[in-house]
Amino acid sequence: MKRLTSLARNLRKDPTDAERRLWSHIRGSQLCGAKFTRQHQIGDFIVDFACRSLRFAIELDGGQHAESITDAGRTEIIEAHGYRVIRFWNNDVLANTEGVLQVISEEIHLARNQPPLP
């Protein structure tokens, strides 16, 4: 447990460009009033962003995940802890930030059982 806490702390200190970009838009309840945390531990994993109140996790993936066979298993375990997981490619966050924010907004509304905003 202590190892993961230390790892999460180190990941927060050195975010990727995509993490930095997305965090600038979702921090401080900026997006639909949902409060996100960075590098949050769920079970034996650390997710990039999590909204604990809505049980919603966001993972940003770089090119090393393109052929990853472990991501599906990782997602299943995180979902077994009651979280909904959505994934974005880093380049999507950087090239289409507004589109990514729209998808996250829709997921937040679904998690609250509210219709998405137009």
PDB file of N, CA and C in Angstrom:
ATOM      1  N   MET A   1       0.835  -1.200   0.000  1.00  0.00           N
ATOM      2  CA  MET A   1       0.000   0.000   0.000  1.00  0.00           C
ATOM      3  C   MET A   1       0.876   1.259   0.000  1.00  0.00           C
ATOM      4  N   LYS A   2       1.912   1.273   0.865  1.00  0.00           N
ATOM      5  CA  LYS A   2       2.794   2.428   0.943  1.00  0.00           C
ATOM      6  C   LYS A   2       3.529   2.644  -0.381  1.00  0.00           C
ATOM      7  N   ARG A   3       3.898   1.549  -1.057  1.00  0.00           N
ATOM      8  CA  ARG A   3       4.583   1.645  -2.345  1.00  0.00           C
ATOM      9  C   ARG A   3       3.714   2.369  -3.367  1.00  0.00           C
ATOM     10  N   LEU A   4       2.407   2.044  -3.392  1.00  0.00           N
ATOM     11  CA  LEU A   4       1.509   2.695  -4.348  1.00  0.00           C
ATOM     12  C   LEU A   4       1.299   4.162  -4.004  1.00  0.00           C
ATOM     13  N   THR A   5       1.245   4.483  -2.733  1.00  0.00           N
ATOM     14  CA  THR A   5       1.094   5.881  -2.331  1.00  0.00           C
ATOM     15  C   THR A   5       2.292   6.693  -2.797  1.00  0.00           C
ATOM     16  N   SER A   6       3.479   6.141  -2.619  1.00  0.00           N
ATOM     17  CA  SER A   6       4.696   6.817  -3.065  1.00  0.00           C
ATOM     18  C   SER A   6       4.724   6.941  -4.589  1.00  0.00           C
ATOM     19  N   LEU A   7       4.317   5.882  -5.285  1.00  0.00           N
ATOM     20  CA  LEU A   7       4.265   5.921  -6.747  1.00  0.00           C
ATOM     21  C   LEU A   7       3.269   6.983  -7.225  1.00  0.00           C
ATOM     22  N   ALA A   8       2.089   7.030  -6.617  1.00  0.00           N
ATOM     23  CA  ALA A   8       1.077   8.028  -6.995  1.00  0.00           C
ATOM     24  C   ALA A   8       1.623   9.437  -6.791  1.00  0.00           C
ATOM     25  N   ARG A   9       2.295   9.647  -5.695  1.00  0.00           N
ATOM     26  CA  ARG A   9       2.875  10.968  -5.410  1.00  0.00           C
ATOM     27  C   ARG A   9       3.893  11.344  -6.490  1.00  0.00           C
ATOM     28  N   ASN A  10       4.739  10.397  -6.876  1.00  0.00           N
ATOM     29  CA  ASN A  10       5.730  10.659  -7.919  1.00  0.00           C
ATOM     30  C   ASN A  10       5.069  10.924  -9.270  1.00  0.00           C
ATOM     31  N   LEU A  11       4.010  10.198  -9.582  1.00  0.00           N
ATOM     32  CA  LEU A  11       3.287  10.426 -10.839  1.00  0.00           C
ATOM     33  C   LEU A  11       2.643  11.808 -10.868  1.00  0.00           C
ATOM     34  N   ARG A  12       2.149  12.280  -9.714  1.00  0.00           N
ATOM     35  CA  ARG A  12       1.567  13.626  -9.652  1.00  0.00           C
ATOM     36  C   ARG A  12       2.627  14.699  -9.882  1.00  0.00           C
ATOM     37  N   LYS A  13       3.846  14.421  -9.444  1.00  0.00           N
ATOM     38  CA  LYS A  13       4.932  15.395  -9.594  1.00  0.00           C
ATOM     39  C   LYS A  13       5.418  15.518 -11.033  1.00  0.00           C
ATOM     40  N   ASP A  14       5.216  14.480 -11.840  1.00  0.00           N
ATOM     41  CA  ASP A  14       5.759  14.465 -13.195  1.00  0.00           C
ATOM     42  C   ASP A  14       4.690  14.027 -14.204  1.00  0.00           C
ATOM     43  N   PRO A  15       3.651  14.852 -14.393  1.00  0.00           N
ATOM     44  CA  PRO A  15       2.575  14.450 -15.315  1.00  0.00           C
ATOM     45  C   PRO A  15       3.012  14.519 -16.774  1.00  0.00           C
ATOM     46  N   THR A  16       2.344  13.732 -17.608  1.00  0.00           N
ATOM     47  CA  THR A  16       2.568  13.825 -19.049  1.00  0.00           C
ATOM     48  C   THR A  16       1.924  15.116 -19.559  1.00  0.00           C
ATOM     49  N   ASP A  17       2.241  15.505 -20.779  1.00  0.00           N
ATOM     50  CA  ASP A  17       1.617  16.696 -21.367  1.00  0.00           C
ATOM     51  C   ASP A  17       0.102  16.533 -21.429  1.00  0.00           C
ATOM     52  N   ALA A  18      -0.364  15.336 -21.778  1.00  0.00           N
ATOM     53  CA  ALA A  18      -1.804  15.094 -21.872  1.00  0.00           C
ATOM     54  C   ALA A  18      -2.462  15.183 -20.497  1.00  0.00           C
ATOM     55  N   GLU A  19      -1.821  14.627 -19.474  1.00  0.00           N
ATOM     56  CA  GLU A  19      -2.370  14.718 -18.115  1.00  0.00           C
ATOM     57  C   GLU A  19      -2.438  16.168 -17.657  1.00  0.00           C
ATOM     58  N   ARG A  20      -1.383  16.906 -17.941  1.00  0.00           N
ATOM     59  CA  ARG A  20      -1.347  18.330 -17.549  1.00  0.00           C
ATOM     60  C   ARG A  20      -2.474  19.097 -18.243  1.00  0.00           C
ATOM     61  N   ARG A  21      -2.665  18.838 -19.536  1.00  0.00           N
ATOM     62  CA  ARG A  21      -3.707  19.528 -20.306  1.00  0.00           C
ATOM     63  C   ARG A  21      -5.093  19.189 -19.757  1.00  0.00           C
ATOM     64  N   LEU A  22      -5.387  17.896 -19.581  1.00  0.00           N
ATOM     65  CA  LEU A  22      -6.711  17.513 -19.101  1.00  0.00           C
ATOM     66  C   LEU A  22      -6.954  18.034 -17.689  1.00  0.00           C
ATOM     67  N   TRP A  23      -5.952  17.934 -16.818  1.00  0.00           N
ATOM     68  CA  TRP A  23      -6.100  18.407 -15.449  1.00  0.00           C
ATOM     69  C   TRP A  23      -6.430  19.900 -15.404  1.00  0.00           C
ATOM     70  N   SER A  24      -5.872  20.668 -16.302  1.00  0.00           N
ATOM     71  CA  SER A  24      -6.151  22.112 -16.314  1.00  0.00           C
ATOM     72  C   SER A  24      -7.627  22.393 -16.597  1.00  0.00           C
ATOM     73  N   HIS A  25      -8.329  21.437 -17.192  1.00  0.00           N
ATOM     74  CA  HIS A  25      -9.747  21.623 -17.513  1.00  0.00           C
ATOM     75  C   HIS A  25     -10.697  20.971 -16.522  1.00  0.00           C
ATOM     76  N   ILE A  26     -10.242  19.984 -15.759  1.00  0.00           N
ATOM     77  CA  ILE A  26     -11.172  19.275 -14.863  1.00  0.00           C
ATOM     78  C   ILE A  26     -10.893  19.526 -13.384  1.00  0.00           C
ATOM     79  N   ARG A  27      -9.807  20.195 -13.060  1.00  0.00           N
ATOM     80  CA  ARG A  27      -9.478  20.436 -11.651  1.00  0.00           C
ATOM     81  C   ARG A  27     -10.468  21.405 -11.016  1.00  0.00           C
ATOM     82  N   GLY A  28     -10.603  21.289  -9.722  1.00  0.00           N
ATOM     83  CA  GLY A  28     -11.438  22.232  -8.976  1.00  0.00           C
ATOM     84  C   GLY A  28     -12.895  22.221  -9.366  1.00  0.00           C
ATOM     85  N   SER A  29     -13.433  21.093  -9.715  1.00  0.00           N
ATOM     86  CA  SER A  29     -14.856  20.953 -10.058  1.00  0.00           C
ATOM     87  C   SER A  29     -15.271  21.816 -11.231  1.00  0.00           C
ATOM     88  N   GLN A  30     -14.353  22.076 -12.163  1.00  0.00           N
ATOM     89  CA  GLN A  30     -14.650  22.928 -13.311  1.00  0.00           C
ATOM     90  C   GLN A  30     -15.602  22.277 -14.306  1.00  0.00           C
ATOM     91  N   LEU A  31     -15.569  20.964 -14.391  1.00  0.00           N
ATOM     92  CA  LEU A  31     -16.355  20.271 -15.407  1.00  0.00           C
ATOM     93  C   LEU A  31     -17.609  19.688 -14.767  1.00  0.00           C
ATOM     94  N   CYS A  32     -18.731  20.319 -15.011  1.00  0.00           N
ATOM     95  CA  CYS A  32     -20.039  19.851 -14.545  1.00  0.00           C
ATOM     96  C   CYS A  32     -20.089  19.686 -13.026  1.00  0.00           C
ATOM     97  N   GLY A  33     -19.240  20.400 -12.311  1.00  0.00           N
ATOM     98  CA  GLY A  33     -19.243  20.327 -10.855  1.00  0.00           C
ATOM     99  C   GLY A  33     -18.672  19.043 -10.281  1.00  0.00           C
ATOM    100  N   ALA A  34     -18.082  18.194 -11.122  1.00  0.00           N
ATOM    101  CA  ALA A  34     -17.503  16.938 -10.647  1.00  0.00           C
ATOM    102  C   ALA A  34     -16.095  17.199 -10.107  1.00  0.00           C
ATOM    103  N   LYS A  35     -15.815  16.694  -8.932  1.00  0.00           N
ATOM    104  CA  LYS A  35     -14.500  16.885  -8.315  1.00  0.00           C
ATOM    105  C   LYS A  35     -13.621  15.672  -8.614  1.00  0.00           C
ATOM    106  N   PHE A  36     -12.529  15.920  -9.319  1.00  0.00           N
ATOM    107  CA  PHE A  36     -11.593  14.866  -9.696  1.00  0.00           C
ATOM    108  C   PHE A  36     -10.329  14.945  -8.859  1.00  0.00           C
ATOM    109  N   THR A  37      -9.708  13.787  -8.679  1.00  0.00           N
ATOM    110  CA  THR A  37      -8.385  13.709  -8.073  1.00  0.00           C
ATOM    111  C   THR A  37      -7.440  13.113  -9.110  1.00  0.00           C
ATOM    112  N   ARG A  38      -6.154  13.398  -8.942  1.00  0.00           N
ATOM    113  CA  ARG A  38      -5.143  12.859  -9.860  1.00  0.00           C
ATOM    114  C   ARG A  38      -4.445  11.672  -9.224  1.00  0.00           C
ATOM    115  N   GLN A  39      -4.066  10.704 -10.062  1.00  0.00           N
ATOM    116  CA  GLN A  39      -3.290   9.554  -9.633  1.00  0.00           C
ATOM    117  C   GLN A  39      -3.891   8.931  -8.371  1.00  0.00           C
ATOM    118  N   HIS A  40      -5.112   8.461  -8.518  1.00  0.00           N
ATOM    119  CA  HIS A  40      -5.889   7.908  -7.409  1.00  0.00           C
ATOM    120  C   HIS A  40      -5.783   6.388  -7.387  1.00  0.00           C
ATOM    121  N   GLN A  41      -5.524   5.845  -6.209  1.00  0.00           N
ATOM    122  CA  GLN A  41      -5.400   4.399  -6.072  1.00  0.00           C
ATOM    123  C   GLN A  41      -6.777   3.747  -5.971  1.00  0.00           C
ATOM    124  N   ILE A  42      -6.981   2.730  -6.806  1.00  0.00           N
ATOM    125  CA  ILE A  42      -8.181   1.904  -6.762  1.00  0.00           C
ATOM    126  C   ILE A  42      -7.694   0.462  -6.743  1.00  0.00           C
ATOM    127  N   GLY A  43      -7.890  -0.215  -5.636  1.00  0.00           N
ATOM    128  CA  GLY A  43      -7.347  -1.567  -5.499  1.00  0.00           C
ATOM    129  C   GLY A  43      -5.838  -1.509  -5.609  1.00  0.00           C
ATOM    130  N   ASP A  44      -5.279  -2.347  -6.463  1.00  0.00           N
ATOM    131  CA  ASP A  44      -3.831  -2.399  -6.650  1.00  0.00           C
ATOM    132  C   ASP A  44      -3.362  -1.549  -7.833  1.00  0.00           C
ATOM    133  N   PHE A  45      -4.217  -0.655  -8.295  1.00  0.00           N
ATOM    134  CA  PHE A  45      -3.884   0.165  -9.459  1.00  0.00           C
ATOM    135  C   PHE A  45      -3.996   1.642  -9.125  1.00  0.00           C
ATOM    136  N   ILE A  46      -3.331   2.447  -9.926  1.00  0.00           N
ATOM    137  CA  ILE A  46      -3.440   3.903  -9.836  1.00  0.00           C
ATOM    138  C   ILE A  46      -4.016   4.379 -11.155  1.00  0.00           C
ATOM    139  N   VAL A  47      -5.157   5.085 -11.077  1.00  0.00           N
ATOM    140  CA  VAL A  47      -5.768   5.634 -12.290  1.00  0.00           C
ATOM    141  C   VAL A  47      -5.337   7.085 -12.422  1.00  0.00           C
ATOM    142  N   ASP A  48      -5.333   7.578 -13.656  1.00  0.00           N
ATOM    143  CA  ASP A  48      -4.874   8.945 -13.893  1.00  0.00           C
ATOM    144  C   ASP A  48      -5.760   9.975 -13.205  1.00  0.00           C
ATOM    145  N   PHE A  49      -7.078   9.819 -13.348  1.00  0.00           N
ATOM    146  CA  PHE A  49      -8.033  10.739 -12.728  1.00  0.00           C
ATOM    147  C   PHE A  49      -9.221   9.942 -12.219  1.00  0.00           C
ATOM    148  N   ALA A  50      -9.782  10.395 -11.089  1.00  0.00           N
ATOM    149  CA  ALA A  50     -10.967   9.723 -10.557  1.00  0.00           C
ATOM    150  C   ALA A  50     -11.893  10.742  -9.918  1.00  0.00           C
ATOM    151  N   CYS A  51     -13.177  10.537 -10.140  1.00  0.00           N
ATOM    152  CA  CYS A  51     -14.203  11.275  -9.418  1.00  0.00           C
ATOM    153  C   CYS A  51     -14.801  10.263  -8.449  1.00  0.00           C
ATOM    154  N   ARG A  52     -14.388  10.346  -7.198  1.00  0.00           N
ATOM    155  CA  ARG A  52     -14.787   9.339  -6.212  1.00  0.00           C
ATOM    156  C   ARG A  52     -16.282   9.345  -5.948  1.00  0.00           C
ATOM    157  N   SER A  53     -16.885  10.514  -5.924  1.00  0.00           N
ATOM    158  CA  SER A  53     -18.317  10.580  -5.614  1.00  0.00           C
ATOM    159  C   SER A  53     -19.176   9.915  -6.686  1.00  0.00           C
ATOM    160  N   LEU A  54     -18.730   9.957  -7.941  1.00  0.00           N
ATOM    161  CA  LEU A  54     -19.482   9.345  -9.039  1.00  0.00           C
ATOM    162  C   LEU A  54     -18.922   7.977  -9.433  1.00  0.00           C
ATOM    163  N   ARG A  55     -17.833   7.557  -8.768  1.00  0.00           N
ATOM    164  CA  ARG A  55     -17.202   6.258  -9.060  1.00  0.00           C
ATOM    165  C   ARG A  55     -16.845   6.175 -10.550  1.00  0.00           C
ATOM    166  N   PHE A  56     -16.082   7.162 -10.984  1.00  0.00           N
ATOM    167  CA  PHE A  56     -15.775   7.355 -12.393  1.00  0.00           C
ATOM    168  C   PHE A  56     -14.270   7.572 -12.527  1.00  0.00           C
ATOM    169  N   ALA A  57     -13.603   6.806 -13.382  1.00  0.00           N
ATOM    170  CA  ALA A  57     -12.153   6.915 -13.568  1.00  0.00           C
ATOM    171  C   ALA A  57     -11.825   7.204 -15.025  1.00  0.00           C
ATOM    172  N   ILE A  58     -10.773   8.006 -15.216  1.00  0.00           N
ATOM    173  CA  ILE A  58     -10.296   8.351 -16.555  1.00  0.00           C
ATOM    174  C   ILE A  58      -8.849   7.890 -16.656  1.00  0.00           C
ATOM    175  N   GLU A  59      -8.554   7.149 -17.714  1.00  0.00           N
ATOM    176  CA  GLU A  59      -7.199   6.704 -18.001  1.00  0.00           C
ATOM    177  C   GLU A  59      -6.745   7.325 -19.315  1.00  0.00           C
ATOM    178  N   LEU A  60      -5.532   7.855 -19.320  1.00  0.00           N
ATOM    179  CA  LEU A  60      -4.926   8.391 -20.537  1.00  0.00           C
ATOM    180  C   LEU A  60      -3.818   7.441 -20.953  1.00  0.00           C
ATOM    181  N   ASP A  61      -3.855   7.037 -22.199  1.00  0.00           N
ATOM    182  CA  ASP A  61      -2.927   6.033 -22.687  1.00  0.00           C
ATOM    183  C   ASP A  61      -2.014   6.585 -23.763  1.00  0.00           C
ATOM    184  N   GLY A  62      -0.738   6.282 -23.636  1.00  0.00           N
ATOM    185  CA  GLY A  62       0.242   6.616 -24.669  1.00  0.00           C
ATOM    186  C   GLY A  62       0.419   5.450 -25.611  1.00  0.00           C
ATOM    187  N   GLY A  63       1.336   5.568 -26.518  1.00  0.00           N
ATOM    188  CA  GLY A  63       1.574   4.549 -27.531  1.00  0.00           C
ATOM    189  C   GLY A  63       1.930   3.188 -26.972  1.00  0.00           C
ATOM    190  N   GLN A  64       2.502   3.132 -25.757  1.00  0.00           N
ATOM    191  CA  GLN A  64       2.882   1.852 -25.176  1.00  0.00           C
ATOM    192  C   GLN A  64       1.667   0.983 -24.880  1.00  0.00           C
ATOM    193  N   HIS A  65       0.472   1.562 -24.890  1.00  0.00           N
ATOM    194  CA  HIS A  65      -0.751   0.805 -24.609  1.00  0.00           C
ATOM    195  C   HIS A  65      -1.397   0.233 -25.866  1.00  0.00           C
ATOM    196  N   ALA A  66      -0.894   0.566 -27.029  1.00  0.00           N
ATOM    197  CA  ALA A  66      -1.520   0.143 -28.281  1.00  0.00           C
ATOM    198  C   ALA A  66      -1.644  -1.373 -28.388  1.00  0.00           C
ATOM    199  N   GLU A  67      -0.664  -2.084 -27.938  1.00  0.00           N
ATOM    200  CA  GLU A  67      -0.685  -3.543 -28.021  1.00  0.00           C
ATOM    201  C   GLU A  67      -0.839  -4.184 -26.644  1.00  0.00           C
ATOM    202  N   SER A  68      -1.265  -3.416 -25.646  1.00  0.00           N
ATOM    203  CA  SER A  68      -1.324  -3.912 -24.280  1.00  0.00           C
ATOM    204  C   SER A  68      -2.458  -4.915 -24.088  1.00  0.00           C
ATOM    205  N   ILE A  69      -2.099  -6.092 -23.612  1.00  0.00           N
ATOM    206  CA  ILE A  69      -3.121  -7.097 -23.302  1.00  0.00           C
ATOM    207  C   ILE A  69      -3.555  -6.995 -21.845  1.00  0.00           C
ATOM    208  N   THR A  70      -2.840  -6.200 -21.067  1.00  0.00           N
ATOM    209  CA  THR A  70      -3.178  -6.084 -19.649  1.00  0.00           C
ATOM    210  C   THR A  70      -4.214  -5.010 -19.363  1.00  0.00           C
ATOM    211  N   ASP A  71      -4.434  -4.063 -20.287  1.00  0.00           N
ATOM    212  CA  ASP A  71      -5.382  -2.977 -20.029  1.00  0.00           C
ATOM    213  C   ASP A  71      -6.802  -3.473 -19.798  1.00  0.00           C
ATOM    214  N   ALA A  72      -7.241  -4.462 -20.548  1.00  0.00           N
ATOM    215  CA  ALA A  72      -8.600  -4.981 -20.366  1.00  0.00           C
ATOM    216  C   ALA A  72      -8.762  -5.597 -18.981  1.00  0.00           C
ATOM    217  N   GLY A  73      -7.781  -6.351 -18.548  1.00  0.00           N
ATOM    218  CA  GLY A  73      -7.834  -6.945 -17.210  1.00  0.00           C
ATOM    219  C   GLY A  73      -7.783  -5.892 -16.128  1.00  0.00           C
ATOM    220  N   ARG A  74      -6.966  -4.894 -16.340  1.00  0.00           N
ATOM    221  CA  ARG A  74      -6.856  -3.775 -15.391  1.00  0.00           C
ATOM    222  C   ARG A  74      -8.202  -3.062 -15.271  1.00  0.00           C
ATOM    223  N   THR A  75      -8.832  -2.803 -16.421  1.00  0.00           N
ATOM    224  CA  THR A  75     -10.142  -2.143 -16.417  1.00  0.00           C
ATOM    225  C   THR A  75     -11.171  -3.003 -15.681  1.00  0.00           C
ATOM    226  N   GLU A  76     -11.176  -4.295 -15.916  1.00  0.00           N
ATOM    227  CA  GLU A  76     -12.126  -5.191 -15.236  1.00  0.00           C
ATOM    228  C   GLU A  76     -11.971  -5.123 -13.722  1.00  0.00           C
ATOM    229  N   ILE A  77     -10.733  -5.112 -13.256  1.00  0.00           N
ATOM    230  CA  ILE A  77     -10.499  -5.066 -11.807  1.00  0.00           C
ATOM    231  C   ILE A  77     -10.945  -3.728 -11.230  1.00  0.00           C
ATOM    232  N   ILE A  78     -10.645  -2.644 -11.921  1.00  0.00           N
ATOM    233  CA  ILE A  78     -11.070  -1.318 -11.441  1.00  0.00           C
ATOM    234  C   ILE A  78     -12.592  -1.252 -11.424  1.00  0.00           C
ATOM    235  N   GLU A  79     -13.236  -1.782 -12.465  1.00  0.00           N
ATOM    236  CA  GLU A  79     -14.697  -1.805 -12.503  1.00  0.00           C
ATOM    237  C   GLU A  79     -15.274  -2.685 -11.405  1.00  0.00           C
ATOM    238  N   ALA A  80     -14.570  -3.735 -11.007  1.00  0.00           N
ATOM    239  CA  ALA A  80     -15.022  -4.585  -9.905  1.00  0.00           C
ATOM    240  C   ALA A  80     -15.042  -3.812  -8.586  1.00  0.00           C
ATOM    241  N   HIS A  81     -14.283  -2.731  -8.518  1.00  0.00           N
ATOM    242  CA  HIS A  81     -14.301  -1.850  -7.343  1.00  0.00           C
ATOM    243  C   HIS A  81     -15.422  -0.807  -7.452  1.00  0.00           C
ATOM    244  N   GLY A  82     -16.262  -0.942  -8.468  1.00  0.00           N
ATOM    245  CA  GLY A  82     -17.415  -0.059  -8.598  1.00  0.00           C
ATOM    246  C   GLY A  82     -17.193   1.185  -9.429  1.00  0.00           C
ATOM    247  N   TYR A  83     -16.097   1.268 -10.149  1.00  0.00           N
ATOM    248  CA  TYR A  83     -15.798   2.437 -10.968  1.00  0.00           C
ATOM    249  C   TYR A  83     -16.111   2.171 -12.430  1.00  0.00           C
ATOM    250  N   ARG A  84     -16.592   3.197 -13.109  1.00  0.00           N
ATOM    251  CA  ARG A  84     -16.720   3.177 -14.564  1.00  0.00           C
ATOM    252  C   ARG A  84     -15.427   3.758 -15.104  1.00  0.00           C
ATOM    253  N   VAL A  85     -14.810   3.085 -16.070  1.00  0.00           N
ATOM    254  CA  VAL A  85     -13.522   3.515 -16.608  1.00  0.00           C
ATOM    255  C   VAL A  85     -13.697   3.924 -18.067  1.00  0.00           C
ATOM    256  N   ILE A  86     -13.181   5.099 -18.413  1.00  0.00           N
ATOM    257  CA  ILE A  86     -13.090   5.471 -19.818  1.00  0.00           C
ATOM    258  C   ILE A  86     -11.633   5.803 -20.118  1.00  0.00           C
ATOM    259  N   ARG A  87     -11.235   5.529 -21.356  1.00  0.00           N
ATOM    260  CA  ARG A  87      -9.851   5.712 -21.773  1.00  0.00           C
ATOM    261  C   ARG A  87      -9.780   6.646 -22.973  1.00  0.00           C
ATOM    262  N   PHE A  88      -8.731   7.431 -22.984  1.00  0.00           N
ATOM    263  CA  PHE A  88      -8.440   8.304 -24.112  1.00  0.00           C
ATOM    264  C   PHE A  88      -6.973   8.140 -24.460  1.00  0.00           C
ATOM    265  N   TRP A  89      -6.662   8.272 -25.741  1.00  0.00           N
ATOM    266  CA  TRP A  89      -5.266   8.327 -26.165  1.00  0.00           C
ATOM    267  C   TRP A  89      -4.726   9.709 -25.830  1.00  0.00           C
ATOM    268  N   ASN A  90      -3.466   9.759 -25.433  1.00  0.00           N
ATOM    269  CA  ASN A  90      -2.825  11.042 -25.139  1.00  0.00           C
ATOM    270  C   ASN A  90      -2.966  12.019 -26.302  1.00  0.00           C
ATOM    271  N   ASN A  91      -2.749  11.528 -27.533  1.00  0.00           N
ATOM    272  CA  ASN A  91      -2.809  12.437 -28.679  1.00  0.00           C
ATOM    273  C   ASN A  91      -4.217  12.984 -28.889  1.00  0.00           C
ATOM    274  N   ASP A  92      -5.260  12.248 -28.490  1.00  0.00           N
ATOM    275  CA  ASP A  92      -6.627  12.779 -28.569  1.00  0.00           C
ATOM    276  C   ASP A  92      -6.820  13.931 -27.583  1.00  0.00           C
ATOM    277  N   VAL A  93      -6.287  13.776 -26.392  1.00  0.00           N
ATOM    278  CA  VAL A  93      -6.386  14.850 -25.395  1.00  0.00           C
ATOM    279  C   VAL A  93      -5.680  16.101 -25.901  1.00  0.00           C
ATOM    280  N   LEU A  94      -4.521  15.924 -26.510  1.00  0.00           N
ATOM    281  CA  LEU A  94      -3.740  17.067 -26.969  1.00  0.00           C
ATOM    282  C   LEU A  94      -4.310  17.699 -28.236  1.00  0.00           C
ATOM    283  N   ALA A  95      -4.838  16.888 -29.145  1.00  0.00           N
ATOM    284  CA  ALA A  95      -5.313  17.410 -30.436  1.00  0.00           C
ATOM    285  C   ALA A  95      -6.794  17.746 -30.437  1.00  0.00           C
ATOM    286  N   ASN A  96      -7.567  17.140 -29.550  1.00  0.00           N
ATOM    287  CA  ASN A  96      -9.019  17.345 -29.544  1.00  0.00           C
ATOM    288  C   ASN A  96      -9.526  17.465 -28.111  1.00  0.00           C
ATOM    289  N   THR A  97      -8.970  18.400 -27.371  1.00  0.00           N
ATOM    290  CA  THR A  97      -9.313  18.565 -25.964  1.00  0.00           C
ATOM    291  C   THR A  97     -10.807  18.780 -25.771  1.00  0.00           C
ATOM    292  N   GLU A  98     -11.415  19.628 -26.596  1.00  0.00           N
ATOM    293  CA  GLU A  98     -12.850  19.911 -26.442  1.00  0.00           C
ATOM    294  C   GLU A  98     -13.697  18.662 -26.653  1.00  0.00           C
ATOM    295  N   GLY A  99     -13.320  17.830 -27.618  1.00  0.00           N
ATOM    296  CA  GLY A  99     -14.040  16.587 -27.851  1.00  0.00           C
ATOM    297  C   GLY A  99     -13.944  15.636 -26.665  1.00  0.00           C
ATOM    298  N   VAL A 100     -12.745  15.543 -26.081  1.00  0.00           N
ATOM    299  CA  VAL A 100     -12.537  14.698 -24.903  1.00  0.00           C
ATOM    300  C   VAL A 100     -13.364  15.220 -23.737  1.00  0.00           C
ATOM    301  N   LEU A 101     -13.361  16.534 -23.538  1.00  0.00           N
ATOM    302  CA  LEU A 101     -14.148  17.126 -22.453  1.00  0.00           C
ATOM    303  C   LEU A 101     -15.640  16.876 -22.652  1.00  0.00           C
ATOM    304  N   GLN A 102     -16.101  16.887 -23.888  1.00  0.00           N
ATOM    305  CA  GLN A 102     -17.506  16.612 -24.181  1.00  0.00           C
ATOM    306  C   GLN A 102     -17.872  15.180 -23.779  1.00  0.00           C
ATOM    307  N   VAL A 103     -17.010  14.226 -24.121  1.00  0.00           N
ATOM    308  CA  VAL A 103     -17.259  12.828 -23.749  1.00  0.00           C
ATOM    309  C   VAL A 103     -17.275  12.678 -22.233  1.00  0.00           C
ATOM    310  N   ILE A 104     -16.337  13.305 -21.547  1.00  0.00           N
ATOM    311  CA  ILE A 104     -16.288  13.230 -20.085  1.00  0.00           C
ATOM    312  C   ILE A 104     -17.550  13.852 -19.491  1.00  0.00           C
ATOM    313  N   SER A 105     -17.967  14.985 -20.022  1.00  0.00           N
ATOM    314  CA  SER A 105     -19.195  15.647 -19.562  1.00  0.00           C
ATOM    315  C   SER A 105     -20.399  14.723 -19.716  1.00  0.00           C
ATOM    316  N   GLU A 106     -20.502  14.059 -20.854  1.00  0.00           N
ATOM    317  CA  GLU A 106     -21.608  13.126 -21.079  1.00  0.00           C
ATOM    318  C   GLU A 106     -21.562  11.977 -20.082  1.00  0.00           C
ATOM    319  N   GLU A 107     -20.372  11.472 -19.797  1.00  0.00           N
ATOM    320  CA  GLU A 107     -20.225  10.385 -18.829  1.00  0.00           C
ATOM    321  C   GLU A 107     -20.602  10.839 -17.418  1.00  0.00           C
ATOM    322  N   ILE A 108     -20.261  12.069 -17.072  1.00  0.00           N
ATOM    323  CA  ILE A 108     -20.636  12.606 -15.761  1.00  0.00           C
ATOM    324  C   ILE A 108     -22.155  12.663 -15.640  1.00  0.00           C
ATOM    325  N   HIS A 109     -22.818  13.152 -16.684  1.00  0.00           N
ATOM    326  CA  HIS A 109     -24.278  13.224 -16.657  1.00  0.00           C
ATOM    327  C   HIS A 109     -24.899  11.831 -16.576  1.00  0.00           C
ATOM    328  N   LEU A 110     -24.331  10.876 -17.286  1.00  0.00           N
ATOM    329  CA  LEU A 110     -24.836   9.503 -17.198  1.00  0.00           C
ATOM    330  C   LEU A 110     -24.652   8.943 -15.791  1.00  0.00           C
ATOM    331  N   ALA A 111     -23.510   9.227 -15.185  1.00  0.00           N
ATOM    332  CA  ALA A 111     -23.248   8.744 -13.831  1.00  0.00           C
ATOM    333  C   ALA A 111     -24.229   9.337 -12.828  1.00  0.00           C
ATOM    334  N   ARG A 112     -24.693  10.525 -13.110  1.00  0.00           N
ATOM    335  CA  ARG A 112     -25.680  11.187 -12.236  1.00  0.00           C
ATOM    336  C   ARG A 112     -27.114  10.868 -12.649  1.00  0.00           C
ATOM    337  N   ASN A 113     -27.267  10.031 -13.667  1.00  0.00           N
ATOM    338  CA  ASN A 113     -28.576   9.700 -14.212  1.00  0.00           C
ATOM    339  C   ASN A 113     -29.317  10.924 -14.722  1.00  0.00           C
ATOM    340  N   GLN A 114     -28.557  11.838 -15.316  1.00  0.00           N
ATOM    341  CA  GLN A 114     -29.126  13.039 -15.909  1.00  0.00           C
ATOM    342  C   GLN A 114     -28.922  12.961 -17.413  1.00  0.00           C
ATOM    343  N   PRO A 115     -29.841  13.548 -18.163  1.00  0.00           N
ATOM    344  CA  PRO A 115     -29.616  13.592 -19.618  1.00  0.00           C
ATOM    345  C   PRO A 115     -28.441  14.507 -19.918  1.00  0.00           C
ATOM    346  N   PRO A 116     -27.614  14.151 -20.919  1.00  0.00           N
ATOM    347  CA  PRO A 116     -26.479  15.016 -21.265  1.00  0.00           C
ATOM    348  C   PRO A 116     -26.949  16.375 -21.795  1.00  0.00           C
ATOM    349  N   LEU A 117     -26.109  17.360 -21.585  1.00  0.00           N
ATOM    350  CA  LEU A 117     -26.410  18.692 -22.100  1.00  0.00           C
ATOM    351  C   LEU A 117     -26.258  18.683 -23.615  1.00  0.00           C
ATOM    352  N   PRO A 118     -27.043  19.508 -24.311  1.00  0.00           N
ATOM    353  CA  PRO A 118     -26.926  19.561 -25.791  1.00  0.00           C
ATOM    354  C   PRO A 118     -25.615  20.158 -26.226  1.00  0.00           C
TER     355      PRO A 118
END
